[in-house]
N, C-alpha and C. Protein backbone atom coordinates (compact mmCIF):
# COMPACT_ATOMS: atom_id res chain seq x y z
N MET A 1 -1.87 21.45 -19.41
CA MET A 1 -2.03 22.15 -18.18
C MET A 1 -0.67 21.93 -17.42
N ASP A 2 -0.29 22.79 -16.81
CA ASP A 2 0.91 22.51 -15.70
C ASP A 2 0.51 21.82 -14.47
N ASN A 3 1.38 20.91 -14.03
CA ASN A 3 1.07 19.90 -13.09
C ASN A 3 0.90 20.74 -11.78
N GLU A 4 1.90 21.84 -11.81
CA GLU A 4 1.64 22.42 -10.33
C GLU A 4 0.14 23.20 -10.13
N TYR A 5 -0.69 23.32 -11.15
CA TYR A 5 -2.01 23.49 -10.86
C TYR A 5 -2.98 22.53 -10.59
N ILE A 6 -2.54 21.26 -10.99
CA ILE A 6 -3.37 20.12 -10.83
C ILE A 6 -3.20 19.84 -9.09
N ASP A 7 -4.28 19.44 -8.61
CA ASP A 7 -4.23 18.88 -7.11
C ASP A 7 -3.29 17.99 -7.11
N ILE A 8 -2.50 17.98 -5.92
CA ILE A 8 -1.44 17.18 -5.68
C ILE A 8 -2.01 15.69 -5.46
N PHE A 9 -3.11 15.50 -4.67
CA PHE A 9 -3.46 14.30 -4.64
C PHE A 9 -4.21 13.65 -6.02
N GLU A 10 -4.60 14.09 -6.84
CA GLU A 10 -4.99 13.49 -8.16
C GLU A 10 -3.69 13.31 -8.71
N LEU A 11 -2.53 13.97 -8.71
CA LEU A 11 -1.28 13.66 -9.45
C LEU A 11 -0.59 12.36 -8.58
N MET A 12 -0.78 12.35 -7.46
CA MET A 12 -0.21 11.19 -6.74
C MET A 12 -0.81 9.68 -7.20
N LEU A 13 -2.19 9.75 -7.48
CA LEU A 13 -2.89 8.58 -7.94
C LEU A 13 -2.56 8.58 -9.43
N THR A 14 -2.26 9.44 -10.11
CA THR A 14 -2.04 9.26 -11.63
C THR A 14 -0.63 8.60 -11.83
N GLY A 15 0.35 8.85 -10.74
CA GLY A 15 1.49 8.12 -10.88
C GLY A 15 2.60 9.03 -11.64
N GLY A 16 3.94 8.58 -11.44
CA GLY A 16 5.01 9.18 -11.86
C GLY A 16 5.66 10.22 -11.06
N ILE A 17 6.45 11.23 -11.43
CA ILE A 17 7.14 12.18 -10.54
C ILE A 17 6.42 13.32 -10.19
N ILE A 18 6.52 13.43 -8.83
CA ILE A 18 5.84 14.54 -8.25
C ILE A 18 7.23 15.50 -7.79
N PRO A 19 7.40 16.59 -8.48
CA PRO A 19 8.68 17.30 -8.25
C PRO A 19 8.53 18.05 -6.68
N LYS A 20 9.89 17.86 -6.14
CA LYS A 20 10.07 18.37 -4.86
C LYS A 20 9.62 19.86 -4.58
N GLU A 21 9.26 20.53 -5.91
CA GLU A 21 9.16 22.07 -5.51
C GLU A 21 7.72 22.33 -5.80
N HIS A 22 7.05 20.94 -6.00
CA HIS A 22 5.44 21.49 -5.93
C HIS A 22 5.02 22.10 -5.06
N PRO A 23 4.19 23.17 -5.45
CA PRO A 23 3.62 24.22 -4.36
C PRO A 23 2.62 23.47 -3.35
N GLN A 24 1.84 22.53 -3.69
CA GLN A 24 1.06 21.95 -3.02
C GLN A 24 1.76 20.79 -1.80
N TRP A 25 2.83 20.72 -1.71
CA TRP A 25 3.24 19.93 -0.59
C TRP A 25 2.86 20.22 0.61
N PRO A 26 2.85 21.21 1.14
CA PRO A 26 2.08 21.45 2.52
C PRO A 26 0.93 20.70 2.70
N LYS A 27 -0.03 20.79 1.82
CA LYS A 27 -1.24 19.82 1.92
C LYS A 27 -0.88 18.40 2.27
N VAL A 28 0.28 17.89 1.52
CA VAL A 28 0.42 16.60 1.75
C VAL A 28 1.05 16.40 3.19
N TRP A 29 2.00 17.04 3.71
CA TRP A 29 2.26 17.23 5.06
C TRP A 29 1.54 17.24 6.16
N LYS A 30 0.38 17.99 5.76
CA LYS A 30 -0.47 18.14 6.91
C LYS A 30 -1.04 16.85 7.23
N LEU A 31 -1.51 15.89 5.91
CA LEU A 31 -2.05 14.81 6.16
C LEU A 31 -1.11 13.68 6.70
N VAL A 32 0.23 13.76 6.56
CA VAL A 32 1.04 12.94 6.95
C VAL A 32 1.22 13.11 8.40
N ASN A 33 1.02 14.23 8.75
CA ASN A 33 0.86 14.48 10.38
C ASN A 33 -0.25 13.88 11.08
N ARG A 34 -1.30 14.18 10.09
CA ARG A 34 -2.55 13.51 10.95
C ARG A 34 -2.34 12.01 10.93
N SER A 35 -1.94 11.34 9.82
CA SER A 35 -1.51 9.83 9.89
C SER A 35 -1.05 9.43 11.11
N ILE A 36 0.33 9.95 11.32
CA ILE A 36 1.09 9.91 12.25
C ILE A 36 0.14 9.79 13.79
N LYS A 37 -0.59 10.78 13.81
CA LYS A 37 -1.39 10.98 15.39
C LYS A 37 -2.34 9.68 14.86
N LEU A 38 -3.13 9.63 14.22
CA LEU A 38 -3.80 8.63 14.04
C LEU A 38 -3.32 7.14 14.44
N SER A 39 -2.44 6.73 13.52
CA SER A 39 -1.52 5.56 13.89
C SER A 39 -1.09 5.10 15.15
N ALA A 40 -0.64 6.37 15.84
CA ALA A 40 -0.38 5.86 17.22
C ALA A 40 -1.76 5.38 18.09
N ASP A 41 -2.76 5.94 17.82
CA ASP A 41 -3.88 5.26 18.46
C ASP A 41 -4.22 4.00 17.89
N LEU A 42 -4.20 3.73 16.67
CA LEU A 42 -4.69 2.70 16.08
C LEU A 42 -3.59 1.39 16.65
N ASN A 43 -2.53 2.03 16.93
CA ASN A 43 -1.20 0.74 17.34
C ASN A 43 -1.33 0.54 18.86
N THR A 44 -2.24 1.14 19.59
CA THR A 44 -2.35 0.87 20.83
C THR A 44 -3.77 0.42 21.21
N SER A 45 -4.54 0.08 20.08
CA SER A 45 -5.84 -0.54 20.17
C SER A 45 -5.85 -1.98 21.03
N ALA A 46 -7.06 -2.10 21.57
CA ALA A 46 -7.02 -3.38 22.29
C ALA A 46 -7.89 -4.40 21.78
N SER A 47 -8.69 -4.08 20.56
CA SER A 47 -9.34 -5.00 20.01
C SER A 47 -9.46 -4.77 18.41
N VAL A 48 -9.67 -5.71 17.62
CA VAL A 48 -9.96 -5.88 16.30
C VAL A 48 -10.66 -4.99 15.91
N ASN A 49 -11.78 -4.65 16.49
CA ASN A 49 -13.07 -3.67 16.17
C ASN A 49 -12.50 -2.40 16.23
N HIS A 50 -11.44 -2.04 17.43
CA HIS A 50 -11.19 -0.86 17.48
C HIS A 50 -10.11 -0.37 16.50
N ILE A 51 -9.34 -1.57 16.28
CA ILE A 51 -8.26 -1.12 15.09
C ILE A 51 -9.11 -0.79 13.83
N ARG A 52 -10.40 -1.61 13.40
CA ARG A 52 -10.96 -1.36 12.28
C ARG A 52 -11.38 0.06 12.29
N GLU A 53 -11.80 0.51 13.34
CA GLU A 53 -12.55 1.85 13.28
C GLU A 53 -11.55 3.13 13.32
N ARG A 54 -10.33 2.84 13.80
CA ARG A 54 -9.13 3.85 13.82
C ARG A 54 -8.72 3.88 12.21
N LEU A 55 -8.58 2.60 11.71
CA LEU A 55 -8.17 2.44 10.40
C LEU A 55 -8.97 3.19 9.27
N ALA A 56 -10.55 2.97 9.57
CA ALA A 56 -11.53 3.69 8.68
C ALA A 56 -11.21 5.11 8.84
N GLN A 57 -10.95 5.77 10.14
CA GLN A 57 -10.99 7.10 10.25
C GLN A 57 -9.61 7.53 9.43
N LEU A 58 -8.47 6.85 9.50
CA LEU A 58 -7.27 6.95 9.00
C LEU A 58 -7.26 7.01 7.37
N ILE A 59 -7.98 6.10 6.78
CA ILE A 59 -8.25 6.06 5.17
C ILE A 59 -9.37 6.78 4.73
N GLY A 60 -10.20 7.09 5.55
CA GLY A 60 -11.25 8.08 5.15
C GLY A 60 -12.65 7.21 4.47
N SER A 61 -12.70 6.03 4.81
CA SER A 61 -13.96 5.27 4.30
C SER A 61 -14.12 4.22 5.25
N ASN A 62 -15.40 3.69 4.99
CA ASN A 62 -15.95 2.49 6.09
C ASN A 62 -14.91 1.28 5.62
N ILE A 63 -14.69 0.27 6.56
CA ILE A 63 -14.08 -0.91 6.51
C ILE A 63 -15.19 -2.31 6.89
N ASP A 64 -15.55 -3.01 6.05
CA ASP A 64 -16.43 -4.01 6.27
C ASP A 64 -16.01 -4.58 7.58
N GLY A 65 -17.06 -5.16 8.30
CA GLY A 65 -16.78 -6.08 9.56
C GLY A 65 -15.80 -7.26 9.32
N SER A 66 -15.81 -7.71 7.97
CA SER A 66 -15.35 -9.07 7.84
C SER A 66 -13.79 -8.95 7.48
N THR A 67 -13.33 -7.54 7.38
CA THR A 67 -11.93 -7.37 7.20
C THR A 67 -11.39 -7.24 8.50
N ARG A 68 -10.19 -7.85 8.67
CA ARG A 68 -9.46 -7.65 9.98
C ARG A 68 -7.97 -7.29 9.77
N VAL A 69 -7.63 -6.28 10.70
CA VAL A 69 -6.33 -5.97 10.45
C VAL A 69 -5.89 -5.88 11.94
N PHE A 70 -4.61 -6.67 12.14
CA PHE A 70 -3.88 -6.94 13.39
C PHE A 70 -2.79 -5.57 13.56
N ALA A 71 -2.63 -5.13 14.58
CA ALA A 71 -1.74 -4.14 15.07
C ALA A 71 -0.27 -4.79 15.66
N PRO A 72 0.64 -4.21 15.33
CA PRO A 72 0.99 -2.73 14.66
C PRO A 72 0.69 -2.72 13.04
N PHE A 73 0.16 -1.59 12.53
CA PHE A 73 -0.09 -1.65 11.13
C PHE A 73 0.74 -0.02 10.98
N TYR A 74 1.44 0.11 9.84
CA TYR A 74 2.08 1.41 9.51
C TYR A 74 1.55 1.81 8.38
N THR A 75 1.29 3.07 8.15
CA THR A 75 1.15 3.82 6.98
C THR A 75 1.75 5.37 7.17
N ASN A 76 2.13 6.00 6.18
CA ASN A 76 2.74 7.31 6.25
C ASN A 76 1.57 8.26 5.68
N PHE A 77 0.46 7.69 5.10
CA PHE A 77 -0.53 8.70 4.54
C PHE A 77 -1.90 8.42 4.69
N GLY A 78 -2.13 7.03 4.34
CA GLY A 78 -3.54 6.53 4.57
C GLY A 78 -4.70 6.85 3.58
N LYS A 79 -4.71 8.15 3.13
CA LYS A 79 -5.76 8.60 2.44
C LYS A 79 -5.92 7.61 1.09
N HIS A 80 -4.93 7.08 0.88
CA HIS A 80 -4.98 6.36 -0.84
C HIS A 80 -4.97 4.98 -0.44
N ILE A 81 -5.70 4.31 0.69
CA ILE A 81 -5.70 3.05 0.92
C ILE A 81 -7.24 2.50 0.56
N LYS A 82 -7.42 1.64 -0.17
CA LYS A 82 -8.76 1.15 -0.40
C LYS A 82 -8.84 -0.56 -0.01
N LEU A 83 -9.62 -0.80 0.86
CA LEU A 83 -9.73 -2.27 1.43
C LEU A 83 -10.95 -2.99 1.12
N GLY A 84 -11.11 -4.07 0.31
CA GLY A 84 -12.35 -4.86 0.04
C GLY A 84 -12.66 -5.41 1.31
N ASN A 85 -13.70 -6.45 1.06
CA ASN A 85 -14.33 -7.34 2.37
C ASN A 85 -13.52 -8.45 2.33
N ASN A 86 -13.43 -9.06 3.52
CA ASN A 86 -13.01 -10.21 3.95
C ASN A 86 -11.45 -10.20 3.83
N VAL A 87 -10.78 -9.23 4.05
CA VAL A 87 -9.34 -9.01 3.73
C VAL A 87 -8.76 -9.31 5.49
N PHE A 88 -7.70 -9.89 5.41
CA PHE A 88 -6.98 -10.10 6.60
C PHE A 88 -5.43 -9.39 6.36
N ILE A 89 -5.13 -8.61 7.16
CA ILE A 89 -3.67 -8.11 7.28
C ILE A 89 -3.13 -8.50 8.69
N ASN A 90 -2.14 -9.23 8.65
CA ASN A 90 -1.29 -9.77 9.84
C ASN A 90 -0.48 -8.60 10.55
N HIS A 91 0.09 -8.82 11.61
CA HIS A 91 0.90 -7.91 12.34
C HIS A 91 1.96 -7.14 11.61
N ALA A 92 2.46 -5.94 11.80
CA ALA A 92 3.56 -5.17 11.48
C ALA A 92 3.60 -4.91 9.77
N CYS A 93 2.57 -4.84 9.43
CA CYS A 93 2.59 -4.65 7.72
C CYS A 93 2.80 -3.02 7.53
N THR A 94 3.49 -2.50 6.48
CA THR A 94 3.65 -1.07 6.12
C THR A 94 3.06 -1.06 4.73
N PHE A 95 2.25 0.08 4.67
CA PHE A 95 1.79 0.26 3.43
C PHE A 95 2.12 2.05 3.27
N LEU A 96 2.89 2.08 2.25
CA LEU A 96 3.17 3.40 1.76
C LEU A 96 2.58 3.66 0.68
N ASP A 97 1.32 4.43 0.96
CA ASP A 97 0.14 4.58 -0.03
C ASP A 97 0.09 5.84 -0.80
N MET A 98 1.06 6.79 -0.69
CA MET A 98 0.60 8.08 -1.42
C MET A 98 0.50 7.75 -3.12
N GLY A 99 0.86 6.64 -3.61
CA GLY A 99 0.56 6.27 -4.77
C GLY A 99 -0.67 5.67 -5.35
N GLY A 100 -1.35 5.22 -4.27
CA GLY A 100 -2.53 4.48 -4.12
C GLY A 100 -2.24 2.77 -3.82
N ILE A 101 -3.06 2.31 -2.78
CA ILE A 101 -2.96 0.93 -2.60
C ILE A 101 -4.48 0.46 -2.69
N ILE A 102 -4.84 -0.63 -3.63
CA ILE A 102 -6.07 -1.09 -3.49
C ILE A 102 -5.93 -2.60 -3.38
N ILE A 103 -6.65 -3.05 -2.23
CA ILE A 103 -6.71 -4.52 -1.87
C ILE A 103 -8.24 -4.87 -1.90
N GLU A 104 -8.14 -5.93 -3.09
CA GLU A 104 -9.70 -6.33 -3.33
C GLU A 104 -10.07 -7.53 -2.24
N ASP A 105 -11.25 -7.99 -2.39
CA ASP A 105 -11.85 -8.75 -1.57
C ASP A 105 -11.13 -10.22 -1.30
N ASP A 106 -11.10 -10.76 -0.25
CA ASP A 106 -10.65 -12.07 -0.15
C ASP A 106 -9.25 -12.13 0.12
N VAL A 107 -8.33 -11.00 0.34
CA VAL A 107 -6.97 -10.98 0.09
C VAL A 107 -6.56 -11.15 1.59
N GLN A 108 -5.23 -12.04 1.55
CA GLN A 108 -4.59 -12.32 2.89
C GLN A 108 -3.21 -11.85 2.72
N ILE A 109 -2.82 -11.06 3.96
CA ILE A 109 -1.49 -10.64 3.67
C ILE A 109 -0.71 -10.97 5.08
N GLY A 110 0.30 -11.47 4.99
CA GLY A 110 1.17 -12.22 6.16
C GLY A 110 1.96 -10.78 6.67
N PRO A 111 2.36 -11.32 8.07
CA PRO A 111 3.22 -10.40 8.83
C PRO A 111 4.38 -9.71 8.19
N LYS A 112 4.60 -8.43 8.64
CA LYS A 112 5.76 -7.86 8.00
C LYS A 112 5.78 -7.29 6.44
N ALA A 113 4.57 -7.79 5.93
CA ALA A 113 4.69 -7.44 4.30
C ALA A 113 4.76 -6.09 4.10
N ASN A 114 5.16 -5.50 3.08
CA ASN A 114 5.53 -3.98 2.82
C ASN A 114 4.98 -3.82 1.25
N LEU A 115 3.85 -3.08 1.40
CA LEU A 115 3.54 -2.72 0.10
C LEU A 115 3.72 -1.06 -0.25
N ILE A 116 4.78 -0.86 -1.31
CA ILE A 116 5.61 0.42 -1.18
C ILE A 116 5.01 1.08 -2.71
N THR A 117 4.41 2.11 -2.66
CA THR A 117 4.11 2.76 -3.89
C THR A 117 4.82 4.03 -4.07
N GLU A 118 5.91 4.34 -3.46
CA GLU A 118 6.94 5.58 -3.45
C GLU A 118 8.38 4.96 -3.85
N ASN A 119 8.82 5.85 -4.60
CA ASN A 119 10.25 5.68 -4.79
C ASN A 119 10.93 7.01 -4.91
N HIS A 120 12.09 7.29 -5.49
CA HIS A 120 12.50 8.54 -5.71
C HIS A 120 13.51 8.45 -6.92
N PRO A 121 13.69 9.60 -7.63
CA PRO A 121 14.57 9.51 -9.01
C PRO A 121 15.89 9.28 -8.56
N LEU A 122 16.86 8.55 -9.21
CA LEU A 122 18.31 8.10 -9.16
C LEU A 122 19.14 9.55 -9.18
N ASP A 123 18.63 10.50 -9.86
CA ASP A 123 19.63 11.89 -9.99
C ASP A 123 19.81 12.37 -8.71
N PRO A 124 20.75 12.56 -8.36
CA PRO A 124 20.97 13.15 -6.81
C PRO A 124 20.34 14.42 -6.67
N THR A 125 20.31 15.20 -7.81
CA THR A 125 19.69 16.74 -7.62
C THR A 125 18.24 16.78 -7.40
N ASP A 126 17.54 15.53 -7.86
CA ASP A 126 16.16 15.40 -7.94
C ASP A 126 15.63 14.30 -6.91
N ARG A 127 16.47 13.85 -6.14
CA ARG A 127 16.09 12.71 -5.54
C ARG A 127 14.90 12.84 -4.32
N LYS A 128 14.78 14.09 -3.89
CA LYS A 128 13.96 14.54 -3.10
C LYS A 128 12.46 14.57 -3.52
N SER A 129 12.33 14.61 -4.91
CA SER A 129 11.09 14.17 -5.44
C SER A 129 10.49 12.99 -5.23
N LEU A 130 9.22 12.76 -5.50
CA LEU A 130 8.32 11.45 -5.50
C LEU A 130 8.24 10.99 -6.85
N ASP A 131 8.46 9.42 -7.23
CA ASP A 131 8.17 8.78 -8.23
C ASP A 131 7.24 7.79 -7.72
N LEU A 132 5.81 7.75 -8.05
CA LEU A 132 4.67 6.92 -7.59
C LEU A 132 4.06 6.21 -8.51
N GLY A 133 3.73 5.04 -8.01
CA GLY A 133 2.82 3.90 -8.80
C GLY A 133 2.09 3.12 -7.84
N SER A 134 1.00 3.20 -8.32
CA SER A 134 -0.06 2.31 -7.52
C SER A 134 0.29 0.71 -7.45
N ILE A 135 -0.27 0.22 -6.38
CA ILE A 135 -0.35 -1.19 -6.28
C ILE A 135 -1.47 -1.70 -5.98
N VAL A 136 -1.83 -2.88 -6.87
CA VAL A 136 -3.54 -3.52 -6.77
C VAL A 136 -3.08 -4.88 -6.43
N VAL A 137 -3.75 -5.16 -5.33
CA VAL A 137 -3.82 -6.59 -5.19
C VAL A 137 -5.13 -7.23 -5.24
N LYS A 138 -5.37 -8.24 -6.45
CA LYS A 138 -6.46 -8.85 -6.92
C LYS A 138 -7.25 -9.93 -5.96
N ARG A 139 -8.23 -10.12 -6.10
CA ARG A 139 -9.12 -10.98 -5.32
C ARG A 139 -8.49 -12.12 -5.03
N ASN A 140 -8.46 -12.65 -3.65
CA ASN A 140 -8.11 -13.93 -3.29
C ASN A 140 -6.52 -14.17 -3.48
N ALA A 141 -5.87 -13.20 -3.42
CA ALA A 141 -4.41 -13.25 -3.58
C ALA A 141 -3.97 -13.40 -1.84
N TRP A 142 -2.72 -14.11 -1.77
CA TRP A 142 -1.80 -14.30 -0.58
C TRP A 142 -0.60 -13.55 -0.73
N LEU A 143 -0.15 -12.71 0.03
CA LEU A 143 0.94 -12.30 0.28
C LEU A 143 1.73 -12.71 1.50
N GLY A 144 2.97 -13.50 1.34
CA GLY A 144 3.39 -14.32 2.37
C GLY A 144 4.19 -13.04 3.33
N ALA A 145 4.58 -13.81 4.28
CA ALA A 145 5.29 -12.99 5.40
C ALA A 145 6.58 -12.29 4.84
N ALA A 146 6.68 -10.93 5.39
CA ALA A 146 7.97 -10.21 4.71
C ALA A 146 8.19 -9.96 3.46
N CYS A 147 7.28 -10.16 2.59
CA CYS A 147 7.39 -9.91 1.12
C CYS A 147 7.22 -8.20 1.03
N THR A 148 7.85 -7.93 -0.25
CA THR A 148 7.65 -6.50 -0.61
C THR A 148 7.18 -6.47 -1.87
N ILE A 149 6.23 -5.37 -2.23
CA ILE A 149 5.69 -5.07 -3.53
C ILE A 149 6.00 -3.97 -3.65
N LEU A 150 6.69 -3.58 -4.70
CA LEU A 150 7.08 -2.28 -5.23
C LEU A 150 6.34 -1.38 -6.10
N PRO A 151 6.47 -0.06 -6.13
CA PRO A 151 5.30 0.60 -6.97
C PRO A 151 5.42 0.12 -8.37
N GLY A 152 3.89 0.35 -8.69
CA GLY A 152 3.29 -0.06 -10.01
C GLY A 152 3.08 -1.35 -10.17
N VAL A 153 2.87 -2.22 -9.22
CA VAL A 153 2.92 -3.66 -9.33
C VAL A 153 1.28 -4.01 -9.11
N THR A 154 0.73 -5.16 -9.89
CA THR A 154 -0.59 -5.50 -9.64
C THR A 154 -0.22 -7.09 -9.51
N ILE A 155 -0.93 -7.52 -8.31
CA ILE A 155 -0.77 -8.96 -8.12
C ILE A 155 -1.92 -9.61 -8.52
N GLY A 156 -1.83 -10.52 -9.25
CA GLY A 156 -3.18 -11.06 -9.93
C GLY A 156 -4.05 -12.08 -9.14
N GLU A 157 -5.27 -12.13 -9.38
CA GLU A 157 -6.20 -12.77 -8.83
C GLU A 157 -5.76 -14.37 -8.41
N ASN A 158 -6.00 -14.87 -7.28
CA ASN A 158 -5.67 -15.94 -6.85
C ASN A 158 -4.05 -16.41 -6.75
N SER A 159 -3.25 -15.28 -6.64
CA SER A 159 -1.67 -15.49 -6.95
C SER A 159 -1.19 -15.59 -5.44
N VAL A 160 -0.13 -16.03 -5.21
CA VAL A 160 0.68 -16.20 -3.92
C VAL A 160 1.99 -15.64 -4.24
N VAL A 161 2.42 -14.68 -3.32
CA VAL A 161 3.75 -14.27 -3.19
C VAL A 161 4.33 -14.89 -1.94
N ALA A 162 5.58 -15.43 -2.38
CA ALA A 162 6.10 -16.18 -1.32
C ALA A 162 6.75 -15.42 0.00
N ALA A 163 6.97 -15.97 1.07
CA ALA A 163 7.52 -15.10 2.03
C ALA A 163 8.94 -14.73 1.86
N GLY A 164 8.99 -13.31 2.04
CA GLY A 164 10.44 -12.76 1.57
C GLY A 164 10.60 -12.35 0.33
N ALA A 165 9.74 -12.43 -0.67
CA ALA A 165 9.73 -12.06 -2.06
C ALA A 165 9.98 -10.69 -2.19
N VAL A 166 10.68 -10.29 -3.39
CA VAL A 166 10.48 -8.81 -3.50
C VAL A 166 9.87 -8.81 -5.10
N VAL A 167 8.78 -8.07 -5.08
CA VAL A 167 8.03 -8.32 -6.25
C VAL A 167 8.25 -6.91 -7.16
N THR A 168 8.69 -6.83 -8.28
CA THR A 168 9.29 -5.70 -9.10
C THR A 168 8.35 -5.49 -10.42
N LYS A 169 7.54 -6.47 -10.41
CA LYS A 169 6.75 -6.56 -11.94
C LYS A 169 5.54 -7.22 -11.62
N ASP A 170 4.46 -7.13 -12.39
CA ASP A 170 3.09 -7.50 -12.27
C ASP A 170 3.16 -9.05 -12.10
N VAL A 171 2.42 -9.62 -11.36
CA VAL A 171 2.27 -11.11 -11.01
C VAL A 171 0.92 -11.70 -11.58
N PRO A 172 1.04 -12.68 -12.68
CA PRO A 172 -0.09 -13.04 -13.58
C PRO A 172 -1.16 -13.66 -12.55
N HIS A 173 -2.35 -13.81 -12.88
CA HIS A 173 -3.16 -14.42 -12.30
C HIS A 173 -2.98 -15.98 -12.06
N ASN A 174 -3.29 -16.63 -10.88
CA ASN A 174 -3.29 -17.98 -10.34
C ASN A 174 -1.74 -18.52 -10.64
N THR A 175 -0.82 -17.69 -10.02
CA THR A 175 0.65 -18.08 -10.05
C THR A 175 1.14 -17.85 -8.75
N LEU A 176 2.41 -18.63 -8.45
CA LEU A 176 3.22 -18.59 -7.37
C LEU A 176 4.61 -17.85 -7.78
N VAL A 177 4.81 -16.77 -7.12
CA VAL A 177 6.07 -16.06 -7.22
C VAL A 177 6.81 -16.19 -6.08
N ALA A 178 8.42 -16.14 -6.29
CA ALA A 178 9.01 -16.16 -5.18
C ALA A 178 10.65 -15.56 -5.43
N GLY A 179 11.28 -15.28 -4.49
CA GLY A 179 12.61 -14.77 -4.88
C GLY A 179 12.76 -13.22 -4.88
N ILE A 180 14.05 -13.00 -5.12
CA ILE A 180 14.50 -11.53 -5.13
C ILE A 180 15.24 -11.38 -6.62
N PRO A 181 14.91 -10.85 -7.46
CA PRO A 181 13.24 -10.30 -7.84
C PRO A 181 12.56 -11.60 -7.69
N ALA A 182 11.30 -11.27 -7.49
CA ALA A 182 10.22 -12.47 -7.58
C ALA A 182 9.91 -12.80 -9.18
N LYS A 183 9.99 -14.20 -9.28
CA LYS A 183 9.83 -14.75 -10.30
C LYS A 183 8.86 -15.89 -10.32
N VAL A 184 7.95 -16.21 -11.39
CA VAL A 184 6.98 -17.22 -11.41
C VAL A 184 7.68 -18.57 -11.34
N VAL A 185 7.03 -19.24 -10.21
CA VAL A 185 7.64 -20.57 -9.69
C VAL A 185 6.91 -21.54 -10.48
N ARG A 186 5.45 -21.57 -10.42
CA ARG A 186 4.64 -22.25 -11.06
C ARG A 186 3.19 -21.69 -10.96
N GLU A 187 2.22 -22.48 -11.83
CA GLU A 187 0.82 -22.09 -11.78
C GLU A 187 0.16 -22.66 -10.91
N ILE A 188 -1.04 -22.20 -10.34
CA ILE A 188 -1.61 -22.45 -9.24
C ILE A 188 -3.13 -22.98 -9.84
N GLY A 189 -3.46 -24.18 -9.59
CA GLY A 189 -5.11 -24.66 -9.92
C GLY A 189 -4.88 -25.28 -10.82
């Protein structure tokens, strides 16, 4: 079946290239505009409960009361974010989630962390197309301040990403990674 006939939101979660000519892009831009509006309200919230309510509206699912998100919080889409229980997301994090972001239970995310599921082809004639890859952060992982997780990466259970690291490939369970690009520093536990 030709990709232009598959729902664009399904294609996004499948990953890979979505051509700039795909006929369903207007559906995406409608949700992006909605995200901009809801994010403005979320980022002027005066309580963690209000932030949680606005973020739940933005991502389209309930967020457990044990999960805390501090504003500001940035996303360009929202529809493809899944948050577990007892998650903590600190100030000024950015989730570009068109490719899908899953945060499992007990994850901690430091301030200014960037989870980026979107990239673009290198070919200049195709650069406005999107190349998507989901991000999964497994249970009890900790993402340090100002780290960046790139498309298609899974962070293993109980693992730690050091502050400022740029993660370009999967992180095994129970490891500490650091650097640019991030490399395993040692095992944990």
